């Protein structure tokens, strides 16, 4: 299916503000960028680089005052996400080099402190996809989706203590629990067609049987129609704006439609 996503971000800067943005999706095995437009108003010089996770990152300095960042993309994506309940766990010694970083604990995913809980959740499951699916189901059944209970510093352990959070928090819990079982897992941000209310969205992927599988505990069933913008160890790696000076987002409008 082909999706059109738009993201308009209004910001105010008290002074000239350098920043790094991750707002452009990249073509790959799971998606193909057909068309895109990226506009900064007022216009400023910009450069782009690829970070160590493979994300497209844009660098520019917004001037003092009000600015607008507008991104519009058309992307071919899968109408259904892949599901394979027989996908096995890959032994750590056979994992591809690039997946090893997703076994380590990180700022928001303290997997080194969550193994006991994870093993209790997946008791009786075959190692691999069934474990990852059980974890996703457990998050959906035991955590409440609620705004206002988490902040930028909230980690997976905090979310478990609160018993609630938003998509970012659910993804951190899923990633941390999977990593504690030696299942490589990473946080993904992007767009989900049909999300209500519409916004940028976070979910996670687990490496099983030689490929990445998507899991989203905020949804009642596996859903396709996803545009991936970035992936990383946790939210710190996939922030859509990282500002190096005072900056306030005054408005943000996201839309996703099938075309």
C-alpha atoms as a PDB file:
ATOM      1  CA  UNK A   1       0.000   0.000   0.000  1.00  0.00           C
ATOM      2  CA  UNK A   2       1.092   3.578  -0.580  1.00  0.00           C
ATOM      3  CA  UNK A   3       0.872   6.092   2.247  1.00  0.00           C
ATOM      4  CA  UNK A   4       1.218   9.847   2.277  1.00  0.00           C
ATOM      5  CA  UNK A   5       2.464  11.338   5.552  1.00  0.00           C
ATOM      6  CA  UNK A   6       2.823  15.009   6.389  1.00  0.00           C
ATOM      7  CA  UNK A   7       4.387  16.545   9.465  1.00  0.00           C
ATOM      8  CA  UNK A   8       4.329  20.286  10.111  1.00  0.00           C
ATOM      9  CA  UNK A   9       6.278  21.497  13.149  1.00  0.00           C
ATOM     10  CA  UNK A  10       6.138  25.091  14.363  1.00  0.00           C
ATOM     11  CA  UNK A  11       8.952  26.140  16.695  1.00  0.00           C
ATOM     12  CA  UNK A  12      10.111  29.253  18.515  1.00  0.00           C
ATOM     13  CA  UNK A  13      13.743  29.957  19.376  1.00  0.00           C
ATOM     14  CA  UNK A  14      14.941  32.592  21.825  1.00  0.00           C
ATOM     15  CA  UNK A  15      18.244  32.679  19.946  1.00  0.00           C
ATOM     16  CA  UNK A  16      19.816  30.949  16.955  1.00  0.00           C
ATOM     17  CA  UNK A  17      19.488  27.231  17.707  1.00  0.00           C
ATOM     18  CA  UNK A  18      21.551  24.426  16.127  1.00  0.00           C
ATOM     19  CA  UNK A  19      19.698  21.119  15.913  1.00  0.00           C
ATOM     20  CA  UNK A  20      19.750  17.631  14.477  1.00  0.00           C
ATOM     21  CA  UNK A  21      16.495  16.259  13.091  1.00  0.00           C
ATOM     22  CA  UNK A  22      15.405  12.752  12.112  1.00  0.00           C
ATOM     23  CA  UNK A  23      12.383  13.368   9.910  1.00  0.00           C
ATOM     24  CA  UNK A  24      13.163  11.624   6.597  1.00  0.00           C
ATOM     25  CA  UNK A  25      12.316   7.932   6.156  1.00  0.00           C
ATOM     26  CA  UNK A  26      14.828   5.830   4.299  1.00  0.00           C
ATOM     27  CA  UNK A  27      14.130   3.259   1.577  1.00  0.00           C
ATOM     28  CA  UNK A  28      14.915  -0.334   2.461  1.00  0.00           C
ATOM     29  CA  UNK A  29      13.604  -3.892   2.449  1.00  0.00           C
ATOM     30  CA  UNK A  30      10.339  -2.995   4.221  1.00  0.00           C
ATOM     31  CA  UNK A  31       9.518   0.323   2.528  1.00  0.00           C
ATOM     32  CA  UNK A  32      10.290   2.431  -0.524  1.00  0.00           C
ATOM     33  CA  UNK A  33      10.206   6.223  -0.535  1.00  0.00           C
ATOM     34  CA  UNK A  34       8.446   7.257  -3.748  1.00  0.00           C
ATOM     35  CA  UNK A  35       8.420  11.029  -3.279  1.00  0.00           C
ATOM     36  CA  UNK A  36       9.271  13.548  -0.588  1.00  0.00           C
ATOM     37  CA  UNK A  37       9.464  17.235   0.206  1.00  0.00           C
ATOM     38  CA  UNK A  38      11.367  18.788   3.118  1.00  0.00           C
ATOM     39  CA  UNK A  39      11.056  22.518   3.678  1.00  0.00           C
ATOM     40  CA  UNK A  40      12.452  24.800   6.382  1.00  0.00           C
ATOM     41  CA  UNK A  41      10.919  28.263   6.708  1.00  0.00           C
ATOM     42  CA  UNK A  42      12.742  30.626   6.758  1.00  0.00           C
ATOM     43  CA  UNK A  43      15.193  28.783   4.548  1.00  0.00           C
ATOM     44  CA  UNK A  44      18.547  27.946   6.148  1.00  0.00           C
ATOM     45  CA  UNK A  45      21.577  25.913   5.006  1.00  0.00           C
ATOM     46  CA  UNK A  46      21.265  22.216   5.883  1.00  0.00           C
ATOM     47  CA  UNK A  47      23.400  19.101   5.684  1.00  0.00           C
ATOM     48  CA  UNK A  48      22.594  15.416   6.114  1.00  0.00           C
ATOM     49  CA  UNK A  49      24.431  12.383   7.443  1.00  0.00           C
ATOM     50  CA  UNK A  50      23.666   8.754   8.274  1.00  0.00           C
ATOM     51  CA  UNK A  51      24.053   7.877  11.962  1.00  0.00           C
ATOM     52  CA  UNK A  52      25.432   4.619  13.340  1.00  0.00           C
ATOM     53  CA  UNK A  53      21.931   3.059  13.311  1.00  0.00           C
ATOM     54  CA  UNK A  54      21.338   3.830   9.626  1.00  0.00           C
ATOM     55  CA  UNK A  55      18.978   6.784  10.182  1.00  0.00           C
ATOM     56  CA  UNK A  56      18.978   9.866   7.946  1.00  0.00           C
ATOM     57  CA  UNK A  57      19.816  12.891  10.127  1.00  0.00           C
ATOM     58  CA  UNK A  58      19.534  16.525   9.076  1.00  0.00           C
ATOM     59  CA  UNK A  59      21.583  19.345  10.647  1.00  0.00           C
ATOM     60  CA  UNK A  60      20.758  23.038  10.477  1.00  0.00           C
ATOM     61  CA  UNK A  61      20.513  26.127  12.662  1.00  0.00           C
ATOM     62  CA  UNK A  62      17.123  27.758  13.110  1.00  0.00           C
ATOM     63  CA  UNK A  63      17.199  31.545  13.501  1.00  0.00           C
ATOM     64  CA  UNK A  64      15.883  33.424  16.492  1.00  0.00           C
ATOM     65  CA  UNK A  65      12.088  33.758  16.370  1.00  0.00           C
ATOM     66  CA  UNK A  66       9.493  31.528  14.715  1.00  0.00           C
ATOM     67  CA  UNK A  67      10.282  28.778  12.199  1.00  0.00           C
ATOM     68  CA  UNK A  68       8.418  25.983  10.463  1.00  0.00           C
ATOM     69  CA  UNK A  69       9.661  22.529   9.457  1.00  0.00           C
ATOM     70  CA  UNK A  70       7.425  20.801   6.901  1.00  0.00           C
ATOM     71  CA  UNK A  71       7.941  17.231   5.701  1.00  0.00           C
ATOM     72  CA  UNK A  72       5.768  15.393   3.182  1.00  0.00           C
ATOM     73  CA  UNK A  73       6.498  11.848   1.999  1.00  0.00           C
ATOM     74  CA  UNK A  74       4.890   9.152  -0.115  1.00  0.00           C
ATOM     75  CA  UNK A  75       6.049   5.666   0.802  1.00  0.00           C
ATOM     76  CA  UNK A  76       5.218   2.144  -0.374  1.00  0.00           C
ATOM     77  CA  UNK A  77       4.805  -0.026   2.740  1.00  0.00           C
ATOM     78  CA  UNK A  78       3.455  -3.451   3.672  1.00  0.00           C
ATOM     79  CA  UNK A  79      -0.298  -3.562   4.242  1.00  0.00           C
ATOM     80  CA  UNK A  80       0.293  -6.308   6.833  1.00  0.00           C
ATOM     81  CA  UNK A  81       3.293  -6.734   9.103  1.00  0.00           C
ATOM     82  CA  UNK A  82       5.099 -10.055   9.044  1.00  0.00           C
ATOM     83  CA  UNK A  83       4.091 -12.640  11.656  1.00  0.00           C
ATOM     84  CA  UNK A  84       5.904 -15.960  12.072  1.00  0.00           C
ATOM     85  CA  UNK A  85       5.135 -17.781  15.300  1.00  0.00           C
ATOM     86  CA  UNK A  86       7.766 -20.385  14.401  1.00  0.00           C
ATOM     87  CA  UNK A  87      10.628 -17.887  14.049  1.00  0.00           C
ATOM     88  CA  UNK A  88      13.347 -19.124  16.427  1.00  0.00           C
ATOM     89  CA  UNK A  89      15.664 -17.234  18.704  1.00  0.00           C
ATOM     90  CA  UNK A  90      19.059 -16.768  17.048  1.00  0.00           C
ATOM     91  CA  UNK A  91      21.846 -17.940  19.376  1.00  0.00           C
ATOM     92  CA  UNK A  92      24.021 -14.973  20.414  1.00  0.00           C
ATOM     93  CA  UNK A  93      27.077 -16.529  18.784  1.00  0.00           C
ATOM     94  CA  UNK A  94      25.309 -16.572  15.415  1.00  0.00           C
ATOM     95  CA  UNK A  95      23.773 -13.079  15.507  1.00  0.00           C
ATOM     96  CA  UNK A  96      24.852 -10.589  12.814  1.00  0.00           C
ATOM     97  CA  UNK A  97      27.370  -8.065  14.121  1.00  0.00           C
ATOM     98  CA  UNK A  98      25.003  -5.124  13.713  1.00  0.00           C
ATOM     99  CA  UNK A  99      22.399  -6.669  16.028  1.00  0.00           C
ATOM    100  CA  UNK A 100      24.664  -7.090  19.061  1.00  0.00           C
ATOM    101  CA  UNK A 101      24.213  -3.493  20.221  1.00  0.00           C
ATOM    102  CA  UNK A 102      20.510  -4.253  20.637  1.00  0.00           C
ATOM    103  CA  UNK A 103      21.283  -6.833  23.334  1.00  0.00           C
ATOM    104  CA  UNK A 104      22.810  -4.238  25.660  1.00  0.00           C
ATOM    105  CA  UNK A 105      21.019  -2.289  28.364  1.00  0.00           C
ATOM    106  CA  UNK A 106      20.532   1.376  27.482  1.00  0.00           C
ATOM    107  CA  UNK A 107      19.408   4.593  29.130  1.00  0.00           C
ATOM    108  CA  UNK A 108      15.662   3.903  29.008  1.00  0.00           C
ATOM    109  CA  UNK A 109      15.831   0.103  28.713  1.00  0.00           C
ATOM    110  CA  UNK A 110      17.623  -1.318  31.797  1.00  0.00           C
ATOM    111  CA  UNK A 111      17.357  -4.906  30.605  1.00  0.00           C
ATOM    112  CA  UNK A 112      20.035  -6.048  33.057  1.00  0.00           C
ATOM    113  CA  UNK A 113      17.474  -5.537  35.854  1.00  0.00           C
ATOM    114  CA  UNK A 114      14.482  -7.219  34.187  1.00  0.00           C
ATOM    115  CA  UNK A 115      15.377 -10.835  33.450  1.00  0.00           C
ATOM    116  CA  UNK A 116      13.486 -12.316  36.406  1.00  0.00           C
ATOM    117  CA  UNK A 117      10.280 -10.542  35.396  1.00  0.00           C
ATOM    118  CA  UNK A 118      10.743 -11.465  31.742  1.00  0.00           C
ATOM    119  CA  UNK A 119      11.205 -15.173  32.502  1.00  0.00           C
ATOM    120  CA  UNK A 120       8.072 -15.177  34.618  1.00  0.00           C
ATOM    121  CA  UNK A 121       6.102 -13.600  31.756  1.00  0.00           C
ATOM    122  CA  UNK A 122       7.291 -16.048  29.088  1.00  0.00           C
ATOM    123  CA  UNK A 123       7.156 -19.188  31.227  1.00  0.00           C
ATOM    124  CA  UNK A 124       6.176 -22.134  29.055  1.00  0.00           C
ATOM    125  CA  UNK A 125       6.918 -20.353  25.746  1.00  0.00           C
ATOM    126  CA  UNK A 126       9.239 -21.718  23.098  1.00  0.00           C
ATOM    127  CA  UNK A 127      12.305 -19.500  22.692  1.00  0.00           C
ATOM    128  CA  UNK A 128      11.849 -17.018  19.859  1.00  0.00           C
ATOM    129  CA  UNK A 129       8.735 -15.414  18.413  1.00  0.00           C
ATOM    130  CA  UNK A 130       6.371 -16.945  21.014  1.00  0.00           C
ATOM    131  CA  UNK A 131       8.350 -15.246  23.785  1.00  0.00           C
ATOM    132  CA  UNK A 132       8.304 -11.871  22.031  1.00  0.00           C
ATOM    133  CA  UNK A 133       4.589 -12.192  21.318  1.00  0.00           C
ATOM    134  CA  UNK A 134       3.833 -13.144  24.941  1.00  0.00           C
ATOM    135  CA  UNK A 135       5.734 -10.070  26.135  1.00  0.00           C
ATOM    136  CA  UNK A 136       3.772  -7.817  23.783  1.00  0.00           C
ATOM    137  CA  UNK A 137       0.476  -9.336  24.955  1.00  0.00           C
ATOM    138  CA  UNK A 138       1.503  -8.950  28.603  1.00  0.00           C
ATOM    139  CA  UNK A 139       2.258  -5.242  28.135  1.00  0.00           C
ATOM    140  CA  UNK A 140      -1.097  -4.699  26.445  1.00  0.00           C
ATOM    141  CA  UNK A 141      -2.941  -6.532  29.228  1.00  0.00           C
ATOM    142  CA  UNK A 142      -1.090  -5.085  32.239  1.00  0.00           C
ATOM    143  CA  UNK A 143      -0.246  -1.482  31.319  1.00  0.00           C
ATOM    144  CA  UNK A 144      -2.741   1.306  30.757  1.00  0.00           C
ATOM    145  CA  UNK A 145      -2.274   3.701  27.856  1.00  0.00           C
ATOM    146  CA  UNK A 146      -2.484   7.079  29.557  1.00  0.00           C
ATOM    147  CA  UNK A 147      -0.996  10.513  29.016  1.00  0.00           C
ATOM    148  CA  UNK A 148       0.604  12.520  31.787  1.00  0.00           C
ATOM    149  CA  UNK A 149       2.218   9.708  33.777  1.00  0.00           C
ATOM    150  CA  UNK A 150       5.619   9.754  32.060  1.00  0.00           C
ATOM    151  CA  UNK A 151       8.226  12.334  31.105  1.00  0.00           C
ATOM    152  CA  UNK A 152      11.447  12.446  29.115  1.00  0.00           C
ATOM    153  CA  UNK A 153      13.448  10.707  31.862  1.00  0.00           C
ATOM    154  CA  UNK A 154      10.984   7.811  32.359  1.00  0.00           C
ATOM    155  CA  UNK A 155      12.588   4.399  31.814  1.00  0.00           C
ATOM    156  CA  UNK A 156      11.030   0.956  31.422  1.00  0.00           C
ATOM    157  CA  UNK A 157      11.249   0.217  35.156  1.00  0.00           C
ATOM    158  CA  UNK A 158       9.446   3.492  35.924  1.00  0.00           C
ATOM    159  CA  UNK A 159       6.664   2.554  33.501  1.00  0.00           C
ATOM    160  CA  UNK A 160       6.222  -0.834  35.145  1.00  0.00           C
ATOM    161  CA  UNK A 161       6.000   0.882  38.527  1.00  0.00           C
ATOM    162  CA  UNK A 162       3.433   3.416  37.265  1.00  0.00           C
ATOM    163  CA  UNK A 163       1.446   0.754  35.432  1.00  0.00           C
ATOM    164  CA  UNK A 164       0.769   3.188  32.602  1.00  0.00           C
ATOM    165  CA  UNK A 165       2.396   5.199  29.850  1.00  0.00           C
ATOM    166  CA  UNK A 166       2.260   6.069  26.168  1.00  0.00           C
ATOM    167  CA  UNK A 167       3.618   4.385  23.035  1.00  0.00           C
ATOM    168  CA  UNK A 168       7.231   5.345  23.801  1.00  0.00           C
ATOM    169  CA  UNK A 169       6.960   3.801  27.273  1.00  0.00           C
ATOM    170  CA  UNK A 170       5.316   0.607  26.001  1.00  0.00           C
ATOM    171  CA  UNK A 171       8.119   0.219  23.457  1.00  0.00           C
ATOM    172  CA  UNK A 172      10.800   0.670  26.119  1.00  0.00           C
ATOM    173  CA  UNK A 173       9.231  -2.033  28.286  1.00  0.00           C
ATOM    174  CA  UNK A 174       9.016  -4.448  25.360  1.00  0.00           C
ATOM    175  CA  UNK A 175      12.594  -3.800  24.302  1.00  0.00           C
ATOM    176  CA  UNK A 176      14.001  -4.183  27.826  1.00  0.00           C
ATOM    177  CA  UNK A 177      12.132  -7.427  28.515  1.00  0.00           C
ATOM    178  CA  UNK A 178      13.187  -8.950  25.189  1.00  0.00           C
ATOM    179  CA  UNK A 179      16.833  -7.980  25.616  1.00  0.00           C
ATOM    180  CA  UNK A 180      16.894  -9.565  29.065  1.00  0.00           C
ATOM    181  CA  UNK A 181      16.153 -12.874  27.287  1.00  0.00           C
ATOM    182  CA  UNK A 182      18.950 -12.345  24.728  1.00  0.00           C
ATOM    183  CA  UNK A 183      16.477 -11.324  22.009  1.00  0.00           C
ATOM    184  CA  UNK A 184      17.882  -8.283  20.151  1.00  0.00           C
ATOM    185  CA  UNK A 185      15.277  -5.508  20.258  1.00  0.00           C
ATOM    186  CA  UNK A 186      15.160  -1.891  19.090  1.00  0.00           C
ATOM    187  CA  UNK A 187      12.801   1.073  19.361  1.00  0.00           C
ATOM    188  CA  UNK A 188      11.194   2.334  16.142  1.00  0.00           C
ATOM    189  CA  UNK A 189       9.536   5.683  15.478  1.00  0.00           C
ATOM    190  CA  UNK A 190       7.460   6.639  12.486  1.00  0.00           C
ATOM    191  CA  UNK A 191       3.849   6.803  11.347  1.00  0.00           C
ATOM    192  CA  UNK A 192       0.957   4.351  11.649  1.00  0.00           C
ATOM    193  CA  UNK A 193      -1.963   4.644   9.250  1.00  0.00           C
ATOM    194  CA  UNK A 194      -5.250   4.908  11.152  1.00  0.00           C
ATOM    195  CA  UNK A 195      -3.698   5.854  14.491  1.00  0.00           C
ATOM    196  CA  UNK A 196      -6.071   7.793  16.739  1.00  0.00           C
ATOM    197  CA  UNK A 197      -5.283  10.472  17.697  1.00  0.00           C
ATOM    198  CA  UNK A 198      -2.828  10.918  14.846  1.00  0.00           C
ATOM    199  CA  UNK A 199       0.763  11.701  15.862  1.00  0.00           C
ATOM    200  CA  UNK A 200       4.229  10.304  15.395  1.00  0.00           C
ATOM    201  CA  UNK A 201       4.213   6.801  16.840  1.00  0.00           C
ATOM    202  CA  UNK A 202       6.653   4.434  18.550  1.00  0.00           C
ATOM    203  CA  UNK A 203       6.801   0.635  18.532  1.00  0.00           C
ATOM    204  CA  UNK A 204       9.609  -1.927  18.648  1.00  0.00           C
ATOM    205  CA  UNK A 205      11.208  -4.674  16.597  1.00  0.00           C
ATOM    206  CA  UNK A 206      12.757  -7.978  17.671  1.00  0.00           C
ATOM    207  CA  UNK A 207      15.375  -9.892  15.667  1.00  0.00           C
ATOM    208  CA  UNK A 208      14.190 -13.487  15.235  1.00  0.00           C
ATOM    209  CA  UNK A 209      15.002 -16.197  12.716  1.00  0.00           C
ATOM    210  CA  UNK A 210      17.321 -13.925  10.746  1.00  0.00           C
ATOM    211  CA  UNK A 211      15.096 -10.836  10.366  1.00  0.00           C
ATOM    212  CA  UNK A 212      13.340  -8.064  12.303  1.00  0.00           C
ATOM    213  CA  UNK A 213       9.683  -8.426  13.347  1.00  0.00           C
ATOM    214  CA  UNK A 214       7.517  -5.508  14.476  1.00  0.00           C
ATOM    215  CA  UNK A 215       5.567  -5.542  17.750  1.00  0.00           C
ATOM    216  CA  UNK A 216       3.197  -2.833  18.967  1.00  0.00           C
ATOM    217  CA  UNK A 217       1.569  -3.293  22.373  1.00  0.00           C
ATOM    218  CA  UNK A 218      -0.642  -0.235  21.862  1.00  0.00           C
ATOM    219  CA  UNK A 219      -2.624  -2.079  19.186  1.00  0.00           C
ATOM    220  CA  UNK A 220      -5.025  -4.982  19.717  1.00  0.00           C
ATOM    221  CA  UNK A 221      -3.590  -6.978  16.800  1.00  0.00           C
ATOM    222  CA  UNK A 222      -0.653  -6.848  14.369  1.00  0.00           C
ATOM    223  CA  UNK A 223      -1.193  -3.938  11.977  1.00  0.00           C
ATOM    224  CA  UNK A 224       0.628  -2.910   8.845  1.00  0.00           C
ATOM    225  CA  UNK A 225       0.542   0.509   7.222  1.00  0.00           C
ATOM    226  CA  UNK A 226       3.694   1.731   8.978  1.00  0.00           C
ATOM    227  CA  UNK A 227       6.300   4.197   7.794  1.00  0.00           C
ATOM    228  CA  UNK A 228       9.592   3.765   9.651  1.00  0.00           C
ATOM    229  CA  UNK A 229      11.479   7.033  10.172  1.00  0.00           C
ATOM    230  CA  UNK A 230      14.158   5.852  12.602  1.00  0.00           C
ATOM    231  CA  UNK A 231      15.261   3.037  14.875  1.00  0.00           C
ATOM    232  CA  UNK A 232      17.745   2.843  17.737  1.00  0.00           C
ATOM    233  CA  UNK A 233      18.497   1.498  21.202  1.00  0.00           C
ATOM    234  CA  UNK A 234      15.800   3.634  22.822  1.00  0.00           C
ATOM    235  CA  UNK A 235      14.113   7.040  22.543  1.00  0.00           C
ATOM    236  CA  UNK A 236      17.411   8.876  23.011  1.00  0.00           C
ATOM    237  CA  UNK A 237      18.589   7.585  19.616  1.00  0.00           C
ATOM    238  CA  UNK A 238      15.416   8.371  17.670  1.00  0.00           C
ATOM    239  CA  UNK A 239      14.364  11.858  18.826  1.00  0.00           C
ATOM    240  CA  UNK A 240      12.855  13.669  15.840  1.00  0.00           C
ATOM    241  CA  UNK A 241      14.413  16.950  17.044  1.00  0.00           C
ATOM    242  CA  UNK A 242      17.564  17.255  19.162  1.00  0.00           C
ATOM    243  CA  UNK A 243      18.134  20.942  19.866  1.00  0.00           C
ATOM    244  CA  UNK A 244      21.356  22.439  21.211  1.00  0.00           C
ATOM    245  CA  UNK A 245      19.851  25.639  22.552  1.00  0.00           C
ATOM    246  CA  UNK A 246      16.490  26.982  23.764  1.00  0.00           C
ATOM    247  CA  UNK A 247      13.688  25.767  21.483  1.00  0.00           C
ATOM    248  CA  UNK A 248       9.946  25.420  22.013  1.00  0.00           C
ATOM    249  CA  UNK A 249       7.607  23.400  19.786  1.00  0.00           C
ATOM    250  CA  UNK A 250       4.546  25.635  19.575  1.00  0.00           C
ATOM    251  CA  UNK A 251       2.467  23.423  17.274  1.00  0.00           C
ATOM    252  CA  UNK A 252       2.735  20.080  15.513  1.00  0.00           C
ATOM    253  CA  UNK A 253       0.320  18.609  12.991  1.00  0.00           C
ATOM    254  CA  UNK A 254       0.653  15.078  11.604  1.00  0.00           C
ATOM    255  CA  UNK A 255      -1.496  13.356   8.987  1.00  0.00           C
ATOM    256  CA  UNK A 256      -1.281   9.936   7.319  1.00  0.00           C
ATOM    257  CA  UNK A 257      -3.536   8.812   4.479  1.00  0.00           C
ATOM    258  CA  UNK A 258      -3.672   5.952   1.994  1.00  0.00           C
ATOM    259  CA  UNK A 259      -3.346   7.001  -1.659  1.00  0.00           C
END
